[in-house]
């Protein structure tokens, strides 16, 4: 049994600054936000953030990483690993869009408002967790006979993750989000690609 360690004063300060950065960058974006404003929100000196991050850009990257981690953790909790019939993990775009309503920083990045960061999204460790989770769902589905046995779980998981991100980015950048019929149609096409052929 491992004992939980109490965060040090420095770790608590760093966490407080990061929380303030997620809020400020989410509300205003990268360019208009100053590190001094973040420090003020966190209740620390203007120089304190630079003890943990070398620049405003590094702090912004850390804030995006932190917010994306929370978003993916929430998404994983919503994807039912044991759902053998609905296959809820195949097209989690509506769930992801719902979560993003409470995460303006991640929403800004996916909506293309912070173009400097969008290319780094797939490098965030939380996306590896998402791919592993979906691969596990595929393996479970194959064992239950609801997913084709000739699918490579890791490759298919990577494809589903890429499609989910691409669709989410598209929806956030459209003037009008697609209706329920289009969303259901996307899910149906994806389901058709993973279901076993009829009669097998």
C-alpha atoms as a PDB file:
ATOM      1  CA  UNK A   1       0.000   0.000   0.000  1.00  0.00           C
ATOM      2  CA  UNK A   2       1.388   3.404  -1.052  1.00  0.00           C
ATOM      3  CA  UNK A   3       0.805   6.443   1.082  1.00  0.00           C
ATOM      4  CA  UNK A   4      -0.384   9.575  -0.679  1.00  0.00           C
ATOM      5  CA  UNK A   5       2.218  12.315  -0.411  1.00  0.00           C
ATOM      6  CA  UNK A   6       1.194  15.841   0.486  1.00  0.00           C
ATOM      7  CA  UNK A   7       2.142  18.331  -2.240  1.00  0.00           C
ATOM      8  CA  UNK A   8       4.961  20.685  -1.265  1.00  0.00           C
ATOM      9  CA  UNK A   9       4.404  24.442  -1.020  1.00  0.00           C
ATOM     10  CA  UNK A  10       6.121  24.858  -4.393  1.00  0.00           C
ATOM     11  CA  UNK A  11       3.882  22.236  -6.016  1.00  0.00           C
ATOM     12  CA  UNK A  12       0.782  23.920  -4.603  1.00  0.00           C
ATOM     13  CA  UNK A  13       1.951  27.294  -5.900  1.00  0.00           C
ATOM     14  CA  UNK A  14       2.704  25.836  -9.322  1.00  0.00           C
ATOM     15  CA  UNK A  15      -0.738  24.205  -9.438  1.00  0.00           C
ATOM     16  CA  UNK A  16      -2.445  27.468  -8.443  1.00  0.00           C
ATOM     17  CA  UNK A  17      -0.605  29.364 -11.196  1.00  0.00           C
ATOM     18  CA  UNK A  18      -1.545  26.700 -13.738  1.00  0.00           C
ATOM     19  CA  UNK A  19      -5.223  26.855 -12.724  1.00  0.00           C
ATOM     20  CA  UNK A  20      -5.151  30.646 -13.127  1.00  0.00           C
ATOM     21  CA  UNK A  21      -3.439  30.273 -16.519  1.00  0.00           C
ATOM     22  CA  UNK A  22      -6.097  27.820 -17.758  1.00  0.00           C
ATOM     23  CA  UNK A  23      -8.822  30.292 -16.744  1.00  0.00           C
ATOM     24  CA  UNK A  24      -7.134  33.415 -18.160  1.00  0.00           C
ATOM     25  CA  UNK A  25      -5.975  31.874 -21.435  1.00  0.00           C
ATOM     26  CA  UNK A  26      -9.389  30.221 -21.839  1.00  0.00           C
ATOM     27  CA  UNK A  27     -11.223  33.511 -21.344  1.00  0.00           C
ATOM     28  CA  UNK A  28      -8.940  35.832 -23.340  1.00  0.00           C
ATOM     29  CA  UNK A  29      -6.587  33.755 -25.479  1.00  0.00           C
ATOM     30  CA  UNK A  30      -2.802  33.747 -25.614  1.00  0.00           C
ATOM     31  CA  UNK A  31      -1.939  37.180 -27.002  1.00  0.00           C
ATOM     32  CA  UNK A  32      -4.077  39.463 -24.781  1.00  0.00           C
ATOM     33  CA  UNK A  33      -3.217  37.564 -21.589  1.00  0.00           C
ATOM     34  CA  UNK A  34      -0.243  38.722 -19.543  1.00  0.00           C
ATOM     35  CA  UNK A  35       1.750  36.563 -17.153  1.00  0.00           C
ATOM     36  CA  UNK A  36       1.364  39.367 -14.595  1.00  0.00           C
ATOM     37  CA  UNK A  37      -2.445  39.003 -14.738  1.00  0.00           C
ATOM     38  CA  UNK A  38      -2.137  35.231 -14.254  1.00  0.00           C
ATOM     39  CA  UNK A  39       0.193  35.765 -11.290  1.00  0.00           C
ATOM     40  CA  UNK A  40      -2.248  38.265  -9.784  1.00  0.00           C
ATOM     41  CA  UNK A  41      -5.134  35.773 -10.150  1.00  0.00           C
ATOM     42  CA  UNK A  42      -2.994  33.096  -8.490  1.00  0.00           C
ATOM     43  CA  UNK A  43      -2.028  35.419  -5.622  1.00  0.00           C
ATOM     44  CA  UNK A  44       1.709  35.292  -6.326  1.00  0.00           C
ATOM     45  CA  UNK A  45       4.354  37.793  -7.388  1.00  0.00           C
ATOM     46  CA  UNK A  46       4.716  38.696 -11.071  1.00  0.00           C
ATOM     47  CA  UNK A  47       8.041  36.818 -11.173  1.00  0.00           C
ATOM     48  CA  UNK A  48       6.763  33.608  -9.545  1.00  0.00           C
ATOM     49  CA  UNK A  49       5.498  31.890 -12.756  1.00  0.00           C
ATOM     50  CA  UNK A  50       9.002  32.147 -14.248  1.00  0.00           C
ATOM     51  CA  UNK A  51      10.340  29.935 -11.451  1.00  0.00           C
ATOM     52  CA  UNK A  52       8.375  27.074 -13.102  1.00  0.00           C
ATOM     53  CA  UNK A  53       8.135  28.066 -16.794  1.00  0.00           C
ATOM     54  CA  UNK A  54      10.781  29.844 -18.819  1.00  0.00           C
ATOM     55  CA  UNK A  55       8.352  31.922 -20.888  1.00  0.00           C
ATOM     56  CA  UNK A  56       4.720  32.836 -21.448  1.00  0.00           C
ATOM     57  CA  UNK A  57       4.676  30.317 -24.320  1.00  0.00           C
ATOM     58  CA  UNK A  58       5.832  27.510 -22.014  1.00  0.00           C
ATOM     59  CA  UNK A  59       3.152  28.439 -19.472  1.00  0.00           C
ATOM     60  CA  UNK A  60       0.528  28.461 -22.223  1.00  0.00           C
ATOM     61  CA  UNK A  61       1.624  24.999 -23.420  1.00  0.00           C
ATOM     62  CA  UNK A  62       1.421  23.690 -19.842  1.00  0.00           C
ATOM     63  CA  UNK A  63      -2.067  25.195 -19.416  1.00  0.00           C
ATOM     64  CA  UNK A  64      -3.277  23.556 -22.657  1.00  0.00           C
ATOM     65  CA  UNK A  65      -1.796  20.214 -21.528  1.00  0.00           C
ATOM     66  CA  UNK A  66      -3.538  20.485 -18.163  1.00  0.00           C
ATOM     67  CA  UNK A  67      -6.933  21.433 -19.601  1.00  0.00           C
ATOM     68  CA  UNK A  68      -6.766  18.780 -22.334  1.00  0.00           C
ATOM     69  CA  UNK A  69      -5.933  16.164 -19.688  1.00  0.00           C
ATOM     70  CA  UNK A  70      -9.108  17.048 -17.749  1.00  0.00           C
ATOM     71  CA  UNK A  71     -11.181  17.003 -20.958  1.00  0.00           C
ATOM     72  CA  UNK A  72      -9.890  13.562 -22.001  1.00  0.00           C
ATOM     73  CA  UNK A  73     -10.321  12.173 -18.458  1.00  0.00           C
ATOM     74  CA  UNK A  74     -13.973  13.292 -18.513  1.00  0.00           C
ATOM     75  CA  UNK A  75     -14.443  11.820 -21.986  1.00  0.00           C
ATOM     76  CA  UNK A  76     -12.987   8.466 -20.891  1.00  0.00           C
ATOM     77  CA  UNK A  77     -15.414   8.403 -17.959  1.00  0.00           C
ATOM     78  CA  UNK A  78     -18.315   8.869 -20.406  1.00  0.00           C
ATOM     79  CA  UNK A  79     -17.203   6.171 -22.867  1.00  0.00           C
ATOM     80  CA  UNK A  80     -18.736   2.932 -21.672  1.00  0.00           C
ATOM     81  CA  UNK A  81     -16.068   0.231 -21.896  1.00  0.00           C
ATOM     82  CA  UNK A  82     -18.662  -2.492 -21.197  1.00  0.00           C
ATOM     83  CA  UNK A  83     -21.279  -1.364 -23.716  1.00  0.00           C
ATOM     84  CA  UNK A  84     -21.343  -4.266 -26.150  1.00  0.00           C
ATOM     85  CA  UNK A  85     -24.430  -3.135 -28.070  1.00  0.00           C
ATOM     86  CA  UNK A  86     -24.283   0.684 -28.398  1.00  0.00           C
ATOM     87  CA  UNK A  87     -20.516   0.880 -28.994  1.00  0.00           C
ATOM     88  CA  UNK A  88     -20.539   4.378 -27.477  1.00  0.00           C
ATOM     89  CA  UNK A  89     -16.800   4.805 -28.060  1.00  0.00           C
ATOM     90  CA  UNK A  90     -17.102   4.708 -31.850  1.00  0.00           C
ATOM     91  CA  UNK A  91     -18.232   8.335 -32.313  1.00  0.00           C
ATOM     92  CA  UNK A  92     -17.842  10.315 -29.087  1.00  0.00           C
ATOM     93  CA  UNK A  93     -18.052  13.726 -30.798  1.00  0.00           C
ATOM     94  CA  UNK A  94     -21.306  14.812 -29.056  1.00  0.00           C
ATOM     95  CA  UNK A  95     -19.845  13.852 -25.647  1.00  0.00           C
ATOM     96  CA  UNK A  96     -16.627  15.735 -26.398  1.00  0.00           C
ATOM     97  CA  UNK A  97     -18.512  18.834 -27.553  1.00  0.00           C
ATOM     98  CA  UNK A  98     -20.556  18.777 -24.342  1.00  0.00           C
ATOM     99  CA  UNK A  99     -17.416  18.599 -22.191  1.00  0.00           C
ATOM    100  CA  UNK A 100     -15.794  21.463 -24.138  1.00  0.00           C
ATOM    101  CA  UNK A 101     -18.635  23.773 -23.090  1.00  0.00           C
ATOM    102  CA  UNK A 102     -16.988  23.893 -19.645  1.00  0.00           C
ATOM    103  CA  UNK A 103     -13.410  24.063 -20.978  1.00  0.00           C
ATOM    104  CA  UNK A 104     -12.969  27.290 -22.952  1.00  0.00           C
ATOM    105  CA  UNK A 105      -9.203  26.869 -23.356  1.00  0.00           C
ATOM    106  CA  UNK A 106      -9.436  23.459 -25.042  1.00  0.00           C
ATOM    107  CA  UNK A 107     -12.401  24.725 -27.037  1.00  0.00           C
ATOM    108  CA  UNK A 108     -10.373  27.755 -28.245  1.00  0.00           C
ATOM    109  CA  UNK A 109      -7.530  25.484 -29.376  1.00  0.00           C
ATOM    110  CA  UNK A 110      -9.819  23.058 -31.241  1.00  0.00           C
ATOM    111  CA  UNK A 111     -11.771  25.940 -32.777  1.00  0.00           C
ATOM    112  CA  UNK A 112      -8.545  27.175 -34.399  1.00  0.00           C
ATOM    113  CA  UNK A 113      -8.252  30.318 -32.292  1.00  0.00           C
ATOM    114  CA  UNK A 114      -4.763  29.363 -31.083  1.00  0.00           C
ATOM    115  CA  UNK A 115      -3.074  28.070 -34.269  1.00  0.00           C
ATOM    116  CA  UNK A 116       0.384  27.845 -32.663  1.00  0.00           C
ATOM    117  CA  UNK A 117      -0.744  24.958 -30.451  1.00  0.00           C
ATOM    118  CA  UNK A 118      -3.066  22.865 -32.624  1.00  0.00           C
ATOM    119  CA  UNK A 119      -0.179  20.881 -34.135  1.00  0.00           C
ATOM    120  CA  UNK A 120       0.925  19.695 -30.683  1.00  0.00           C
ATOM    121  CA  UNK A 121      -2.442  18.326 -29.596  1.00  0.00           C
ATOM    122  CA  UNK A 122      -1.788  14.698 -30.494  1.00  0.00           C
ATOM    123  CA  UNK A 123       1.479  14.746 -28.518  1.00  0.00           C
ATOM    124  CA  UNK A 124      -0.386  15.369 -25.251  1.00  0.00           C
ATOM    125  CA  UNK A 125      -0.080  12.221 -23.068  1.00  0.00           C
ATOM    126  CA  UNK A 126      -3.844  12.155 -22.426  1.00  0.00           C
ATOM    127  CA  UNK A 127      -4.444  11.329 -26.076  1.00  0.00           C
ATOM    128  CA  UNK A 128      -2.340   8.194 -25.597  1.00  0.00           C
ATOM    129  CA  UNK A 129      -4.740   7.250 -22.774  1.00  0.00           C
ATOM    130  CA  UNK A 130      -7.684   7.813 -25.123  1.00  0.00           C
ATOM    131  CA  UNK A 131      -6.143   5.596 -27.825  1.00  0.00           C
ATOM    132  CA  UNK A 132      -5.414   2.849 -25.261  1.00  0.00           C
ATOM    133  CA  UNK A 133      -8.977   3.021 -23.947  1.00  0.00           C
ATOM    134  CA  UNK A 134     -10.499   2.778 -27.428  1.00  0.00           C
ATOM    135  CA  UNK A 135      -8.125  -0.102 -28.314  1.00  0.00           C
ATOM    136  CA  UNK A 136      -9.338  -1.887 -25.150  1.00  0.00           C
ATOM    137  CA  UNK A 137     -12.951  -1.305 -26.208  1.00  0.00           C
ATOM    138  CA  UNK A 138     -12.174  -2.797 -29.634  1.00  0.00           C
ATOM    139  CA  UNK A 139     -10.554  -5.886 -28.066  1.00  0.00           C
ATOM    140  CA  UNK A 140     -13.578  -6.338 -25.781  1.00  0.00           C
ATOM    141  CA  UNK A 141     -15.928  -5.881 -28.746  1.00  0.00           C
ATOM    142  CA  UNK A 142     -14.011  -8.490 -30.733  1.00  0.00           C
ATOM    143  CA  UNK A 143     -14.272 -10.948 -27.819  1.00  0.00           C
ATOM    144  CA  UNK A 144     -18.046 -10.369 -27.710  1.00  0.00           C
ATOM    145  CA  UNK A 145     -18.452 -10.719 -31.470  1.00  0.00           C
ATOM    146  CA  UNK A 146     -19.692  -7.152 -32.072  1.00  0.00           C
ATOM    147  CA  UNK A 147     -16.464  -5.879 -33.668  1.00  0.00           C
ATOM    148  CA  UNK A 148     -14.731  -7.378 -36.712  1.00  0.00           C
ATOM    149  CA  UNK A 149     -11.888  -9.717 -35.792  1.00  0.00           C
ATOM    150  CA  UNK A 150      -9.667  -8.535 -38.655  1.00  0.00           C
ATOM    151  CA  UNK A 151      -9.293  -5.028 -37.200  1.00  0.00           C
ATOM    152  CA  UNK A 152      -5.966  -4.133 -35.643  1.00  0.00           C
ATOM    153  CA  UNK A 153      -7.085  -2.600 -32.298  1.00  0.00           C
ATOM    154  CA  UNK A 154      -4.236  -0.084 -32.034  1.00  0.00           C
ATOM    155  CA  UNK A 155      -4.478   1.131 -35.632  1.00  0.00           C
ATOM    156  CA  UNK A 156      -8.278   1.322 -35.473  1.00  0.00           C
ATOM    157  CA  UNK A 157      -8.093   3.217 -32.156  1.00  0.00           C
ATOM    158  CA  UNK A 158      -5.711   5.733 -33.711  1.00  0.00           C
ATOM    159  CA  UNK A 159      -8.089   6.152 -36.666  1.00  0.00           C
ATOM    160  CA  UNK A 160     -11.138   6.654 -34.436  1.00  0.00           C
ATOM    161  CA  UNK A 161      -9.252   9.202 -32.330  1.00  0.00           C
ATOM    162  CA  UNK A 162      -8.164  11.102 -35.476  1.00  0.00           C
ATOM    163  CA  UNK A 163     -11.693  11.094 -36.917  1.00  0.00           C
ATOM    164  CA  UNK A 164     -13.146  12.254 -33.584  1.00  0.00           C
ATOM    165  CA  UNK A 165     -10.690  15.158 -33.379  1.00  0.00           C
ATOM    166  CA  UNK A 166     -11.166  16.133 -37.031  1.00  0.00           C
ATOM    167  CA  UNK A 167     -14.960  16.109 -36.698  1.00  0.00           C
ATOM    168  CA  UNK A 168     -14.841  18.060 -33.434  1.00  0.00           C
ATOM    169  CA  UNK A 169     -12.563  20.681 -35.005  1.00  0.00           C
ATOM    170  CA  UNK A 170     -14.894  20.898 -38.042  1.00  0.00           C
ATOM    171  CA  UNK A 171     -18.014  21.292 -35.900  1.00  0.00           C
ATOM    172  CA  UNK A 172     -16.415  24.029 -33.776  1.00  0.00           C
ATOM    173  CA  UNK A 173     -15.399  25.943 -36.891  1.00  0.00           C
ATOM    174  CA  UNK A 174     -18.748  25.677 -38.692  1.00  0.00           C
ATOM    175  CA  UNK A 175     -21.173  28.604 -38.372  1.00  0.00           C
ATOM    176  CA  UNK A 176     -23.987  26.118 -37.646  1.00  0.00           C
ATOM    177  CA  UNK A 177     -23.321  22.762 -35.954  1.00  0.00           C
ATOM    178  CA  UNK A 178     -24.570  19.669 -37.835  1.00  0.00           C
ATOM    179  CA  UNK A 179     -27.974  18.377 -36.764  1.00  0.00           C
ATOM    180  CA  UNK A 180     -28.758  15.086 -35.038  1.00  0.00           C
ATOM    181  CA  UNK A 181     -29.321  13.344 -38.377  1.00  0.00           C
ATOM    182  CA  UNK A 182     -25.805  14.141 -39.616  1.00  0.00           C
ATOM    183  CA  UNK A 183     -24.266  13.119 -36.294  1.00  0.00           C
ATOM    184  CA  UNK A 184     -26.183   9.832 -36.362  1.00  0.00           C
ATOM    185  CA  UNK A 185     -25.089   9.330 -39.980  1.00  0.00           C
ATOM    186  CA  UNK A 186     -21.416   9.722 -39.069  1.00  0.00           C
ATOM    187  CA  UNK A 187     -21.798   7.193 -36.260  1.00  0.00           C
ATOM    188  CA  UNK A 188     -23.571   4.770 -38.617  1.00  0.00           C
ATOM    189  CA  UNK A 189     -20.768   4.916 -41.200  1.00  0.00           C
ATOM    190  CA  UNK A 190     -18.157   4.294 -38.498  1.00  0.00           C
ATOM    191  CA  UNK A 191     -20.206   1.447 -37.036  1.00  0.00           C
ATOM    192  CA  UNK A 192     -20.549  -0.143 -40.479  1.00  0.00           C
ATOM    193  CA  UNK A 193     -16.754  -0.179 -40.779  1.00  0.00           C
ATOM    194  CA  UNK A 194     -16.231  -2.118 -37.548  1.00  0.00           C
ATOM    195  CA  UNK A 195     -19.248  -4.436 -37.337  1.00  0.00           C
ATOM    196  CA  UNK A 196     -18.725  -8.051 -38.374  1.00  0.00           C
ATOM    197  CA  UNK A 197     -20.219  -8.876 -41.796  1.00  0.00           C
ATOM    198  CA  UNK A 198     -23.812 -10.141 -41.585  1.00  0.00           C
ATOM    199  CA  UNK A 199     -24.005 -13.848 -40.994  1.00  0.00           C
ATOM    200  CA  UNK A 200     -20.604 -14.120 -39.281  1.00  0.00           C
END
